[in-house]
PDB file of all heavy atoms in Angstrom:
ATOM      1  N   LEU A   1      87.805 120.254 120.888  1.00  0.00           N
ATOM      2  CA  LEU A   1      88.425 118.929 120.958  1.00  0.00           C
ATOM      3  C   LEU A   1      89.902 118.983 120.591  1.00  0.00           C
ATOM      4  O   LEU A   1      90.658 118.081 120.938  1.00  0.00           O
ATOM      5  CB  LEU A   1      87.701 117.970 120.008  1.00  0.00           C
ATOM      6  CG  LEU A   1      86.252 117.644 120.367  1.00  0.00           C
ATOM      7  CD1 LEU A   1      85.646 116.769 119.287  1.00  0.00           C
ATOM      8  CD2 LEU A   1      86.193 116.935 121.716  1.00  0.00           C
ATOM      9  N   TYR A   2      90.314 120.016 119.850  1.00  0.00           N
ATOM     10  CA  TYR A   2      91.697 120.134 119.413  1.00  0.00           C
ATOM     11  C   TYR A   2      92.468 121.124 120.268  1.00  0.00           C
ATOM     12  O   TYR A   2      93.507 121.648 119.855  1.00  0.00           O
ATOM     13  CB  TYR A   2      91.748 120.571 117.935  1.00  0.00           C
ATOM     14  CG  TYR A   2      90.968 119.649 117.051  1.00  0.00           C
ATOM     15  CD1 TYR A   2      89.696 119.989 116.626  1.00  0.00           C
ATOM     16  CD2 TYR A   2      91.492 118.427 116.657  1.00  0.00           C
ATOM     17  CE1 TYR A   2      88.973 119.126 115.815  1.00  0.00           C
ATOM     18  CE2 TYR A   2      90.777 117.561 115.861  1.00  0.00           C
ATOM     19  CZ  TYR A   2      89.512 117.920 115.435  1.00  0.00           C
ATOM     20  OH  TYR A   2      88.804 117.071 114.647  1.00  0.00           O
ATOM     21  N   SER A   3      91.961 121.437 121.467  1.00  0.00           N
ATOM     22  CA  SER A   3      92.610 122.393 122.346  1.00  0.00           C
ATOM     23  C   SER A   3      93.923 121.837 122.847  1.00  0.00           C
ATOM     24  O   SER A   3      94.050 120.656 123.137  1.00  0.00           O
ATOM     25  CB  SER A   3      91.698 122.722 123.530  1.00  0.00           C
ATOM     26  OG  SER A   3      92.369 123.525 124.463  1.00  0.00           O
ATOM     27  N   SER A   4      94.932 122.718 122.942  1.00  0.00           N
ATOM     28  CA  SER A   4      96.246 122.317 123.465  1.00  0.00           C
ATOM     29  C   SER A   4      96.561 123.087 124.732  1.00  0.00           C
ATOM     30  O   SER A   4      97.721 123.391 125.017  1.00  0.00           O
ATOM     31  CB  SER A   4      97.331 122.576 122.409  1.00  0.00           C
ATOM     32  OG  SER A   4      97.341 123.940 122.048  1.00  0.00           O
ATOM     33  N   SER A   5      95.540 123.428 125.495  1.00  0.00           N
ATOM     34  CA  SER A   5      95.747 124.171 126.728  1.00  0.00           C
ATOM     35  C   SER A   5      96.396 123.283 127.772  1.00  0.00           C
ATOM     36  O   SER A   5      96.330 122.057 127.684  1.00  0.00           O
ATOM     37  CB  SER A   5      94.396 124.683 127.254  1.00  0.00           C
ATOM     38  OG  SER A   5      93.543 123.595 127.537  1.00  0.00           O
ATOM     39  N   PRO A   6      97.059 123.884 128.781  1.00  0.00           N
ATOM     40  CA  PRO A   6      97.729 123.071 129.804  1.00  0.00           C
ATOM     41  C   PRO A   6      96.781 122.155 130.552  1.00  0.00           C
ATOM     42  O   PRO A   6      97.209 121.159 131.099  1.00  0.00           O
ATOM     43  CB  PRO A   6      98.347 124.131 130.741  1.00  0.00           C
ATOM     44  CG  PRO A   6      98.458 125.358 129.906  1.00  0.00           C
ATOM     45  CD  PRO A   6      97.289 125.322 128.955  1.00  0.00           C
ATOM     46  N   GLU A   7      95.492 122.464 130.568  1.00  0.00           N
ATOM     47  CA  GLU A   7      94.560 121.614 131.298  1.00  0.00           C
ATOM     48  C   GLU A   7      94.369 120.272 130.592  1.00  0.00           C
ATOM     49  O   GLU A   7      94.014 119.289 131.211  1.00  0.00           O
ATOM     50  CB  GLU A   7      93.207 122.332 131.432  1.00  0.00           C
ATOM     51  CG  GLU A   7      93.280 123.610 132.241  1.00  0.00           C
ATOM     52  CD  GLU A   7      91.940 124.296 132.300  1.00  0.00           C
ATOM     53  OE1 GLU A   7      90.981 123.755 131.718  1.00  0.00           O
ATOM     54  OE2 GLU A   7      91.858 125.368 132.921  1.00  0.00           O
ATOM     55  N   ASP A   8      94.603 120.242 129.273  1.00  0.00           N
ATOM     56  CA  ASP A   8      94.422 118.997 128.526  1.00  0.00           C
ATOM     57  C   ASP A   8      95.589 118.852 127.553  1.00  0.00           C
ATOM     58  O   ASP A   8      95.437 119.039 126.351  1.00  0.00           O
ATOM     59  CB  ASP A   8      93.097 119.019 127.767  1.00  0.00           C
ATOM     60  CG  ASP A   8      92.799 117.673 127.115  1.00  0.00           C
ATOM     61  OD1 ASP A   8      93.422 116.671 127.511  1.00  0.00           O
ATOM     62  OD2 ASP A   8      91.951 117.653 126.212  1.00  0.00           O
ATOM     63  N   PRO A   9      96.783 118.580 128.067  1.00  0.00           N
ATOM     64  CA  PRO A   9      97.955 118.558 127.190  1.00  0.00           C
ATOM     65  C   PRO A   9      97.865 117.434 126.171  1.00  0.00           C
ATOM     66  O   PRO A   9      97.296 116.376 126.428  1.00  0.00           O
ATOM     67  CB  PRO A   9      99.117 118.334 128.179  1.00  0.00           C
ATOM     68  CG  PRO A   9      98.482 117.643 129.341  1.00  0.00           C
ATOM     69  CD  PRO A   9      97.089 118.199 129.437  1.00  0.00           C
ATOM     70  N   ALA A  10      98.413 117.671 124.985  1.00  0.00           N
ATOM     71  CA  ALA A  10      98.431 116.643 123.946  1.00  0.00           C
ATOM     72  C   ALA A  10      99.406 115.538 124.327  1.00  0.00           C
ATOM     73  O   ALA A  10     100.431 115.775 124.956  1.00  0.00           O
ATOM     74  CB  ALA A  10      98.847 117.278 122.615  1.00  0.00           C
ATOM     75  N   LYS A  11      99.062 114.316 123.906  1.00  0.00           N
ATOM     76  CA  LYS A  11      99.920 113.177 124.220  1.00  0.00           C
ATOM     77  C   LYS A  11     101.187 113.237 123.391  1.00  0.00           C
ATOM     78  O   LYS A  11     101.165 113.669 122.238  1.00  0.00           O
ATOM     79  CB  LYS A  11      99.177 111.877 123.925  1.00  0.00           C
ATOM     80  CG  LYS A  11      98.006 111.619 124.844  1.00  0.00           C
ATOM     81  CD  LYS A  11      97.386 110.278 124.532  1.00  0.00           C
ATOM     82  CE  LYS A  11      96.221 109.974 125.466  1.00  0.00           C
ATOM     83  NZ  LYS A  11      95.605 108.671 125.175  1.00  0.00           N
ATOM     84  N   PRO A  12     102.313 112.828 123.959  1.00  0.00           N
ATOM     85  CA  PRO A  12     103.551 112.780 123.173  1.00  0.00           C
ATOM     86  C   PRO A  12     103.410 111.835 121.990  1.00  0.00           C
ATOM     87  O   PRO A  12     102.597 110.916 121.993  1.00  0.00           O
ATOM     88  CB  PRO A  12     104.594 112.269 124.185  1.00  0.00           C
ATOM     89  CG  PRO A  12     103.988 112.540 125.520  1.00  0.00           C
ATOM     90  CD  PRO A  12     102.503 112.440 125.349  1.00  0.00           C
ATOM     91  N   ALA A  13     104.220 112.074 120.952  1.00  0.00           N
ATOM     92  CA  ALA A  13     104.152 111.236 119.749  1.00  0.00           C
ATOM     93  C   ALA A  13     104.486 109.786 120.051  1.00  0.00           C
ATOM     94  O   ALA A  13     103.936 108.867 119.453  1.00  0.00           O
ATOM     95  CB  ALA A  13     105.110 111.795 118.679  1.00  0.00           C
ATOM     96  N   SER A  14     105.409 109.573 121.005  1.00  0.00           N
ATOM     97  CA  SER A  14     105.780 108.201 121.333  1.00  0.00           C
ATOM     98  C   SER A  14     104.606 107.426 121.901  1.00  0.00           C
ATOM     99  O   SER A  14     104.417 106.242 121.605  1.00  0.00           O
ATOM    100  CB  SER A  14     106.940 108.198 122.331  1.00  0.00           C
ATOM    101  OG  SER A  14     106.568 108.911 123.508  1.00  0.00           O
ATOM    102  N   GLU A  15     103.787 108.096 122.734  1.00  0.00           N
ATOM    103  CA  GLU A  15     102.627 107.415 123.299  1.00  0.00           C
ATOM    104  C   GLU A  15     101.586 107.122 122.228  1.00  0.00           C
ATOM    105  O   GLU A  15     100.947 106.074 122.253  1.00  0.00           O
ATOM    106  CB  GLU A  15     102.016 108.260 124.413  1.00  0.00           C
ATOM    107  CG  GLU A  15     102.918 108.438 125.611  1.00  0.00           C
ATOM    108  CD  GLU A  15     102.245 109.211 126.717  1.00  0.00           C
ATOM    109  OE1 GLU A  15     101.015 109.442 126.611  1.00  0.00           O
ATOM    110  OE2 GLU A  15     102.923 109.572 127.679  1.00  0.00           O
ATOM    111  N   ILE A  16     101.431 108.017 121.260  1.00  0.00           N
ATOM    112  CA  ILE A  16     100.463 107.782 120.194  1.00  0.00           C
ATOM    113  C   ILE A  16     100.889 106.595 119.342  1.00  0.00           C
ATOM    114  O   ILE A  16     100.092 105.759 118.963  1.00  0.00           O
ATOM    115  CB  ILE A  16     100.325 109.046 119.328  1.00  0.00           C
ATOM    116  CG1 ILE A  16      99.738 110.178 120.155  1.00  0.00           C
ATOM    117  CG2 ILE A  16      99.451 108.777 118.115  1.00  0.00           C
ATOM    118  CD1 ILE A  16      99.650 111.494 119.412  1.00  0.00           C
ATOM    119  N   LYS A  17     102.169 106.490 119.042  1.00  0.00           N
ATOM    120  CA  LYS A  17     102.656 105.361 118.257  1.00  0.00           C
ATOM    121  C   LYS A  17     102.425 104.046 118.985  1.00  0.00           C
ATOM    122  O   LYS A  17     102.081 103.034 118.384  1.00  0.00           O
ATOM    123  CB  LYS A  17     104.137 105.545 117.943  1.00  0.00           C
ATOM    124  CG  LYS A  17     104.406 106.689 116.973  1.00  0.00           C
ATOM    125  CD  LYS A  17     105.893 106.811 116.691  1.00  0.00           C
ATOM    126  CE  LYS A  17     106.165 107.955 115.725  1.00  0.00           C
ATOM    127  NZ  LYS A  17     107.608 108.100 115.454  1.00  0.00           N
ATOM    128  N   LYS A  18     102.633 104.039 120.280  1.00  0.00           N
ATOM    129  CA  LYS A  18     102.450 102.801 121.025  1.00  0.00           C
ATOM    130  C   LYS A  18     101.008 102.312 120.960  1.00  0.00           C
ATOM    131  O   LYS A  18     100.749 101.131 120.956  1.00  0.00           O
ATOM    132  CB  LYS A  18     102.874 103.008 122.474  1.00  0.00           C
ATOM    133  CG  LYS A  18     104.381 103.178 122.649  1.00  0.00           C
ATOM    134  CD  LYS A  18     104.739 103.377 124.119  1.00  0.00           C
ATOM    135  CE  LYS A  18     106.245 103.548 124.281  1.00  0.00           C
ATOM    136  NZ  LYS A  18     106.622 103.767 125.689  1.00  0.00           N
ATOM    137  N   THR A  19     100.070 103.239 120.897  1.00  0.00           N
ATOM    138  CA  THR A  19      98.672 102.818 120.848  1.00  0.00           C
ATOM    139  C   THR A  19      98.309 102.186 119.512  1.00  0.00           C
ATOM    140  O   THR A  19      97.294 101.522 119.407  1.00  0.00           O
ATOM    141  CB  THR A  19      97.752 104.022 121.107  1.00  0.00           C
ATOM    142  OG1 THR A  19      98.002 105.026 120.104  1.00  0.00           O
ATOM    143  CG2 THR A  19      98.008 104.611 122.478  1.00  0.00           C
ATOM    144  N   LEU A  20      99.162 102.398 118.460  1.00  0.00           N
ATOM    145  CA  LEU A  20      98.860 101.849 117.139  1.00  0.00           C
ATOM    146  C   LEU A  20      99.523 100.499 116.893  1.00  0.00           C
ATOM    147  O   LEU A  20      99.292  99.894 115.864  1.00  0.00           O
ATOM    148  CB  LEU A  20      99.319 102.831 116.059  1.00  0.00           C
ATOM    149  CG  LEU A  20      98.659 104.208 116.078  1.00  0.00           C
ATOM    150  CD1 LEU A  20      99.264 105.095 115.002  1.00  0.00           C
ATOM    151  CD2 LEU A  20      97.153 104.095 115.897  1.00  0.00           C
ATOM    152  N   VAL A  21     100.359 100.043 117.790  1.00  0.00           N
ATOM    153  CA  VAL A  21     101.069  98.781 117.615  1.00  0.00           C
ATOM    154  C   VAL A  21     100.123  97.622 117.919  1.00  0.00           C
ATOM    155  O   VAL A  21      99.460  97.600 118.953  1.00  0.00           O
ATOM    156  CB  VAL A  21     102.309  98.724 118.523  1.00  0.00           C
ATOM    157  CG1 VAL A  21     102.982  97.368 118.419  1.00  0.00           C
ATOM    158  CG2 VAL A  21     103.271  99.834 118.146  1.00  0.00           C
ATOM    159  N   LEU A  22     100.079  96.660 116.971  1.00  0.00           N
ATOM    160  CA  LEU A  22      99.227  95.492 117.162  1.00  0.00           C
ATOM    161  C   LEU A  22      99.881  94.519 118.127  1.00  0.00           C
ATOM    162  O   LEU A  22     101.109  94.469 118.236  1.00  0.00           O
ATOM    163  CB  LEU A  22      98.988  94.793 115.822  1.00  0.00           C
ATOM    164  CG  LEU A  22      98.154  95.551 114.783  1.00  0.00           C
ATOM    165  CD1 LEU A  22      98.148  94.771 113.471  1.00  0.00           C
ATOM    166  CD2 LEU A  22      96.723  95.752 115.272  1.00  0.00           C
ATOM    167  N   PRO A  23      99.093  93.730 118.826  1.00  0.00           N
ATOM    168  CA  PRO A  23      99.667  92.662 119.641  1.00  0.00           C
ATOM    169  C   PRO A  23     100.461  91.693 118.775  1.00  0.00           C
ATOM    170  O   PRO A  23     100.202  91.578 117.567  1.00  0.00           O
ATOM    171  CB  PRO A  23      98.424  91.984 120.244  1.00  0.00           C
ATOM    172  CG  PRO A  23      97.350  93.011 120.167  1.00  0.00           C
ATOM    173  CD  PRO A  23      97.632  93.831 118.952  1.00  0.00           C
ATOM    174  N   PRO A  24     101.431  91.017 119.329  1.00  0.00           N
ATOM    175  CA  PRO A  24     102.288  90.144 118.506  1.00  0.00           C
ATOM    176  C   PRO A  24     101.518  89.107 117.716  1.00  0.00           C
ATOM    177  O   PRO A  24     101.842  88.832 116.562  1.00  0.00           O
ATOM    178  CB  PRO A  24     103.212  89.496 119.555  1.00  0.00           C
ATOM    179  CG  PRO A  24     103.237  90.463 120.689  1.00  0.00           C
ATOM    180  CD  PRO A  24     101.875  91.083 120.735  1.00  0.00           C
ATOM    181  N   SER A  25     100.491  88.510 118.312  1.00  0.00           N
ATOM    182  CA  SER A  25      99.742  87.474 117.598  1.00  0.00           C
ATOM    183  C   SER A  25      99.031  88.049 116.377  1.00  0.00           C
ATOM    184  O   SER A  25      99.057  87.466 115.289  1.00  0.00           O
ATOM    185  CB  SER A  25      98.716  86.835 118.535  1.00  0.00           C
ATOM    186  OG  SER A  25      97.823  87.822 119.054  1.00  0.00           O
TER     187      SER A  25
END
C-alpha cells in the first residue's frame, strides 16, 4: 500500500492538502 512505483505514483503534497480543506460552511 505504501509503494511509490511509477505505476502508482504518490499524490503531490498540494493535492493532499486540498483534500483536507473543509467546505466554507
